[in-house]
C-alpha cells in the first residue's frame, strides 16, 4: 500500500523572503507540555477570564530557552510561548537599499530552522515537531487581530486546539 502524500506546508510559488508579516505556530514534539504551564485558576471556562487579562505562563527552564531564542529571530514583533506550542509574528521589512540584496535575505523557513537548531543545541535534544504552521498576513487589520490573538492566547488556553484534557497545569 502506498504511503499517504504529505501536504506541502508552505504556499506553493510564494516568495517567503517577500516583505510582509507572517503568523507562525510551532508545536512541541508530540504536543507535550514541555515549555510551561498555566496555573489552574486561569484554565477553563469556569474561570471566566477576561481575554484581555494578563494570564501568566509559568515557563519551564526549556520554555525559557525557547523564549530567549524566539526573541532573537529577526523581525519578531509579537510572540507567546504556551505550554506545548508557540505563536509569533515575523515581519520582513521593505528593503531600503541599505541592507543585503533581497535574494540573499533568509526565508521564513530558514529563520525558523535556525531558531529550532539553536534551541535543540542548547536543550541537548530536538524539542519541536518536524514542521511549522504559517499564515501570510494580508492586511493591517488582520495583523492587529493576530497580534491581539497572540497576546491574549494564554487566557484562552482551555479552548486552544493544542490544549489536552487532564494535562499537568502546575
C-alpha atoms as a PDB file:
ATOM      1  CA  UNK A   1       0.000   0.000   0.000  1.00  0.00           C
ATOM      2  CA  UNK A   2       1.456   3.430  -0.939  1.00  0.00           C
ATOM      3  CA  UNK A   3       2.284   5.908   1.787  1.00  0.00           C
ATOM      4  CA  UNK A   4      -0.094   8.865   2.140  1.00  0.00           C
ATOM      5  CA  UNK A   5       1.003  12.055   0.412  1.00  0.00           C
ATOM      6  CA  UNK A   6       2.179  14.686   2.874  1.00  0.00           C
ATOM      7  CA  UNK A   7       0.602  18.083   2.245  1.00  0.00           C
ATOM      8  CA  UNK A   8       3.182  20.763   1.455  1.00  0.00           C
ATOM      9  CA  UNK A   9       3.243  23.117   4.452  1.00  0.00           C
ATOM     10  CA  UNK A  10       4.237  26.258   2.540  1.00  0.00           C
ATOM     11  CA  UNK A  11       2.200  28.125  -0.087  1.00  0.00           C
ATOM     12  CA  UNK A  12       3.414  26.874  -3.456  1.00  0.00           C
ATOM     13  CA  UNK A  13       5.164  29.538  -5.509  1.00  0.00           C
ATOM     14  CA  UNK A  14       5.160  32.160  -2.758  1.00  0.00           C
ATOM     15  CA  UNK A  15       8.431  34.006  -2.072  1.00  0.00           C
ATOM     16  CA  UNK A  16       8.918  33.793   1.705  1.00  0.00           C
ATOM     17  CA  UNK A  17      11.634  36.450   1.523  1.00  0.00           C
ATOM     18  CA  UNK A  18       8.977  38.932   0.383  1.00  0.00           C
ATOM     19  CA  UNK A  19       8.357  41.897   2.654  1.00  0.00           C
ATOM     20  CA  UNK A  20       5.322  41.358   4.816  1.00  0.00           C
ATOM     21  CA  UNK A  21       4.113  39.732   8.007  1.00  0.00           C
ATOM     22  CA  UNK A  22       3.911  36.021   8.755  1.00  0.00           C
ATOM     23  CA  UNK A  23       1.964  34.362  11.588  1.00  0.00           C
ATOM     24  CA  UNK A  24       3.888  31.281  12.749  1.00  0.00           C
ATOM     25  CA  UNK A  25       2.866  28.423  15.050  1.00  0.00           C
ATOM     26  CA  UNK A  26       5.388  25.805  16.143  1.00  0.00           C
ATOM     27  CA  UNK A  27       4.359  22.782  18.232  1.00  0.00           C
ATOM     28  CA  UNK A  28       6.398  20.899  20.806  1.00  0.00           C
ATOM     29  CA  UNK A  29       7.350  17.356  19.896  1.00  0.00           C
ATOM     30  CA  UNK A  30       4.264  15.131  20.322  1.00  0.00           C
ATOM     31  CA  UNK A  31       2.463  18.263  21.568  1.00  0.00           C
ATOM     32  CA  UNK A  32       3.792  17.587  25.060  1.00  0.00           C
ATOM     33  CA  UNK A  33       3.654  20.422  27.578  1.00  0.00           C
ATOM     34  CA  UNK A  34       7.413  20.905  27.665  1.00  0.00           C
ATOM     35  CA  UNK A  35       7.563  24.687  27.763  1.00  0.00           C
ATOM     36  CA  UNK A  36       5.489  25.570  30.793  1.00  0.00           C
ATOM     37  CA  UNK A  37       2.090  25.629  32.399  1.00  0.00           C
ATOM     38  CA  UNK A  38      -0.792  27.951  33.067  1.00  0.00           C
ATOM     39  CA  UNK A  39      -1.963  27.957  36.699  1.00  0.00           C
ATOM     40  CA  UNK A  40      -5.235  26.011  37.206  1.00  0.00           C
ATOM     41  CA  UNK A  41      -7.062  29.105  38.437  1.00  0.00           C
ATOM     42  CA  UNK A  42      -6.606  30.595  34.962  1.00  0.00           C
ATOM     43  CA  UNK A  43      -7.697  27.500  32.989  1.00  0.00           C
ATOM     44  CA  UNK A  44     -11.208  26.652  31.889  1.00  0.00           C
ATOM     45  CA  UNK A  45     -14.496  28.281  31.113  1.00  0.00           C
ATOM     46  CA  UNK A  46     -15.416  28.462  34.812  1.00  0.00           C
ATOM     47  CA  UNK A  47     -12.519  30.810  35.420  1.00  0.00           C
ATOM     48  CA  UNK A  48     -14.430  33.500  33.471  1.00  0.00           C
ATOM     49  CA  UNK A  49     -11.176  35.092  32.429  1.00  0.00           C
ATOM     50  CA  UNK A  50     -11.254  38.407  30.665  1.00  0.00           C
ATOM     51  CA  UNK A  51      -9.351  37.603  27.438  1.00  0.00           C
ATOM     52  CA  UNK A  52      -7.507  40.903  27.836  1.00  0.00           C
ATOM     53  CA  UNK A  53      -6.293  39.887  31.301  1.00  0.00           C
ATOM     54  CA  UNK A  54      -2.623  39.250  31.864  1.00  0.00           C
ATOM     55  CA  UNK A  55      -2.596  35.462  32.261  1.00  0.00           C
ATOM     56  CA  UNK A  56       0.766  34.076  33.311  1.00  0.00           C
ATOM     57  CA  UNK A  57       2.534  31.273  31.503  1.00  0.00           C
ATOM     58  CA  UNK A  58       4.923  29.731  34.014  1.00  0.00           C
ATOM     59  CA  UNK A  59       7.841  28.754  31.801  1.00  0.00           C
ATOM     60  CA  UNK A  60       9.998  25.721  32.488  1.00  0.00           C
ATOM     61  CA  UNK A  61      13.760  26.064  32.012  1.00  0.00           C
ATOM     62  CA  UNK A  62      13.213  24.687  28.481  1.00  0.00           C
ATOM     63  CA  UNK A  63      10.427  27.223  27.931  1.00  0.00           C
ATOM     64  CA  UNK A  64      12.817  29.982  28.970  1.00  0.00           C
ATOM     65  CA  UNK A  65      15.378  28.708  26.424  1.00  0.00           C
ATOM     66  CA  UNK A  66      12.657  28.740  23.749  1.00  0.00           C
ATOM     67  CA  UNK A  67      11.612  32.284  24.678  1.00  0.00           C
ATOM     68  CA  UNK A  68      15.199  33.566  24.701  1.00  0.00           C
ATOM     69  CA  UNK A  69      15.888  32.222  21.213  1.00  0.00           C
ATOM     70  CA  UNK A  70      12.453  33.267  19.932  1.00  0.00           C
ATOM     71  CA  UNK A  71      13.267  36.869  20.848  1.00  0.00           C
ATOM     72  CA  UNK A  72      16.399  36.668  18.693  1.00  0.00           C
ATOM     73  CA  UNK A  73      14.609  35.725  15.444  1.00  0.00           C
ATOM     74  CA  UNK A  74      14.995  38.719  13.116  1.00  0.00           C
ATOM     75  CA  UNK A  75      11.675  40.505  12.630  1.00  0.00           C
ATOM     76  CA  UNK A  76       9.678  39.017  15.532  1.00  0.00           C
ATOM     77  CA  UNK A  77       7.189  41.678  16.649  1.00  0.00           C
ATOM     78  CA  UNK A  78       4.960  39.593  18.955  1.00  0.00           C
ATOM     79  CA  UNK A  79       5.174  36.139  20.464  1.00  0.00           C
ATOM     80  CA  UNK A  80       3.843  33.868  23.178  1.00  0.00           C
ATOM     81  CA  UNK A  81       5.318  30.624  24.474  1.00  0.00           C
ATOM     82  CA  UNK A  82       2.461  28.326  25.500  1.00  0.00           C
ATOM     83  CA  UNK A  83       2.802  25.005  27.374  1.00  0.00           C
ATOM     84  CA  UNK A  84       3.077  22.921  24.175  1.00  0.00           C
ATOM     85  CA  UNK A  85       3.408  25.384  21.305  1.00  0.00           C
ATOM     86  CA  UNK A  86       4.345  28.925  20.449  1.00  0.00           C
ATOM     87  CA  UNK A  87       2.995  31.659  18.221  1.00  0.00           C
ATOM     88  CA  UNK A  88       4.897  34.559  16.726  1.00  0.00           C
ATOM     89  CA  UNK A  89       4.577  37.283  14.142  1.00  0.00           C
ATOM     90  CA  UNK A  90       7.592  37.788  11.911  1.00  0.00           C
ATOM     91  CA  UNK A  91       7.782  40.966   9.859  1.00  0.00           C
ATOM     92  CA  UNK A  92      10.158  41.190   6.911  1.00  0.00           C
ATOM     93  CA  UNK A  93      10.562  44.898   6.151  1.00  0.00           C
ATOM     94  CA  UNK A  94      10.727  46.500   2.735  1.00  0.00           C
ATOM     95  CA  UNK A  95      14.300  46.806   1.519  1.00  0.00           C
ATOM     96  CA  UNK A  96      15.558  50.374   1.842  1.00  0.00           C
ATOM     97  CA  UNK A  97      18.673  49.806  -0.222  1.00  0.00           C
ATOM     98  CA  UNK A  98      20.998  49.825   2.777  1.00  0.00           C
ATOM     99  CA  UNK A  99      20.930  46.102   3.570  1.00  0.00           C
ATOM    100  CA  UNK A 100      21.843  42.893   1.777  1.00  0.00           C
ATOM    101  CA  UNK A 101      20.324  42.074  -1.564  1.00  0.00           C
ATOM    102  CA  UNK A 102      16.776  40.696  -1.281  1.00  0.00           C
ATOM    103  CA  UNK A 103      17.858  37.429  -2.937  1.00  0.00           C
ATOM    104  CA  UNK A 104      20.245  36.745  -0.069  1.00  0.00           C
ATOM    105  CA  UNK A 105      17.727  37.528   2.706  1.00  0.00           C
ATOM    106  CA  UNK A 106      16.794  34.473   4.791  1.00  0.00           C
ATOM    107  CA  UNK A 107      13.383  32.992   4.172  1.00  0.00           C
ATOM    108  CA  UNK A 108      10.868  32.477   6.954  1.00  0.00           C
ATOM    109  CA  UNK A 109      11.686  28.748   6.821  1.00  0.00           C
ATOM    110  CA  UNK A 110      15.412  29.446   7.211  1.00  0.00           C
ATOM    111  CA  UNK A 111      14.739  31.695  10.206  1.00  0.00           C
ATOM    112  CA  UNK A 112      12.595  29.009  11.855  1.00  0.00           C
ATOM    113  CA  UNK A 113      15.111  26.244  11.053  1.00  0.00           C
ATOM    114  CA  UNK A 114      17.909  28.300  12.643  1.00  0.00           C
ATOM    115  CA  UNK A 115      15.736  29.011  15.704  1.00  0.00           C
ATOM    116  CA  UNK A 116      14.865  25.325  16.148  1.00  0.00           C
ATOM    117  CA  UNK A 117      18.531  24.391  15.748  1.00  0.00           C
ATOM    118  CA  UNK A 118      19.686  26.867  18.403  1.00  0.00           C
ATOM    119  CA  UNK A 119      17.029  25.643  20.852  1.00  0.00           C
ATOM    120  CA  UNK A 120      17.900  21.968  20.188  1.00  0.00           C
ATOM    121  CA  UNK A 121      21.604  22.716  20.645  1.00  0.00           C
ATOM    122  CA  UNK A 122      21.086  24.424  23.994  1.00  0.00           C
ATOM    123  CA  UNK A 123      18.488  21.886  25.181  1.00  0.00           C
ATOM    124  CA  UNK A 124      20.563  18.913  24.054  1.00  0.00           C
ATOM    125  CA  UNK A 125      17.683  17.394  22.063  1.00  0.00           C
ATOM    126  CA  UNK A 126      15.105  18.231  19.415  1.00  0.00           C
ATOM    127  CA  UNK A 127      12.017  19.637  21.151  1.00  0.00           C
ATOM    128  CA  UNK A 128       9.797  20.674  18.232  1.00  0.00           C
ATOM    129  CA  UNK A 129       7.655  18.853  15.710  1.00  0.00           C
ATOM    130  CA  UNK A 130       9.124  18.486  12.241  1.00  0.00           C
ATOM    131  CA  UNK A 131       7.481  21.457  10.517  1.00  0.00           C
ATOM    132  CA  UNK A 132       5.510  24.562  11.482  1.00  0.00           C
ATOM    133  CA  UNK A 133       2.306  26.320  10.517  1.00  0.00           C
ATOM    134  CA  UNK A 134       2.437  29.653   8.741  1.00  0.00           C
ATOM    135  CA  UNK A 135      -0.099  32.194   7.587  1.00  0.00           C
ATOM    136  CA  UNK A 136       0.722  35.116   5.336  1.00  0.00           C
ATOM    137  CA  UNK A 137      -0.815  38.238   6.885  1.00  0.00           C
ATOM    138  CA  UNK A 138      -2.607  40.132   4.138  1.00  0.00           C
ATOM    139  CA  UNK A 139      -3.761  43.390   5.750  1.00  0.00           C
ATOM    140  CA  UNK A 140      -3.106  45.784   8.620  1.00  0.00           C
ATOM    141  CA  UNK A 141      -6.443  44.802  10.213  1.00  0.00           C
ATOM    142  CA  UNK A 142      -5.521  41.111  10.067  1.00  0.00           C
ATOM    143  CA  UNK A 143      -2.095  41.928  11.560  1.00  0.00           C
ATOM    144  CA  UNK A 144      -3.757  43.718  14.504  1.00  0.00           C
ATOM    145  CA  UNK A 145      -6.188  40.813  15.005  1.00  0.00           C
ATOM    146  CA  UNK A 146      -3.348  38.239  15.051  1.00  0.00           C
ATOM    147  CA  UNK A 147      -1.222  40.468  17.294  1.00  0.00           C
ATOM    148  CA  UNK A 148      -4.105  40.626  19.800  1.00  0.00           C
ATOM    149  CA  UNK A 149      -4.682  36.861  19.467  1.00  0.00           C
ATOM    150  CA  UNK A 150      -1.039  36.178  20.369  1.00  0.00           C
ATOM    151  CA  UNK A 151      -1.089  38.459  23.419  1.00  0.00           C
ATOM    152  CA  UNK A 152      -4.361  37.025  24.756  1.00  0.00           C
ATOM    153  CA  UNK A 153      -3.692  33.374  23.883  1.00  0.00           C
ATOM    154  CA  UNK A 154      -2.900  32.268  27.471  1.00  0.00           C
ATOM    155  CA  UNK A 155      -6.359  33.446  28.607  1.00  0.00           C
ATOM    156  CA  UNK A 156      -7.965  31.073  26.099  1.00  0.00           C
ATOM    157  CA  UNK A 157      -5.733  28.063  26.894  1.00  0.00           C
ATOM    158  CA  UNK A 158      -8.576  25.651  27.737  1.00  0.00           C
ATOM    159  CA  UNK A 159     -10.239  26.443  24.398  1.00  0.00           C
ATOM    160  CA  UNK A 160      -6.994  26.212  22.406  1.00  0.00           C
ATOM    161  CA  UNK A 161      -6.833  23.465  19.793  1.00  0.00           C
ATOM    162  CA  UNK A 162      -3.462  22.395  21.235  1.00  0.00           C
ATOM    163  CA  UNK A 163      -4.872  22.026  24.776  1.00  0.00           C
ATOM    164  CA  UNK A 164      -5.238  18.459  26.015  1.00  0.00           C
ATOM    165  CA  UNK A 165      -7.612  17.476  28.817  1.00  0.00           C
ATOM    166  CA  UNK A 166      -6.018  16.357  32.046  1.00  0.00           C
ATOM    167  CA  UNK A 167      -2.525  17.714  31.410  1.00  0.00           C
ATOM    168  CA  UNK A 168      -0.442  18.996  34.256  1.00  0.00           C
ATOM    169  CA  UNK A 169      -1.078  22.723  34.711  1.00  0.00           C
ATOM    170  CA  UNK A 170       1.032  23.341  37.769  1.00  0.00           C
END
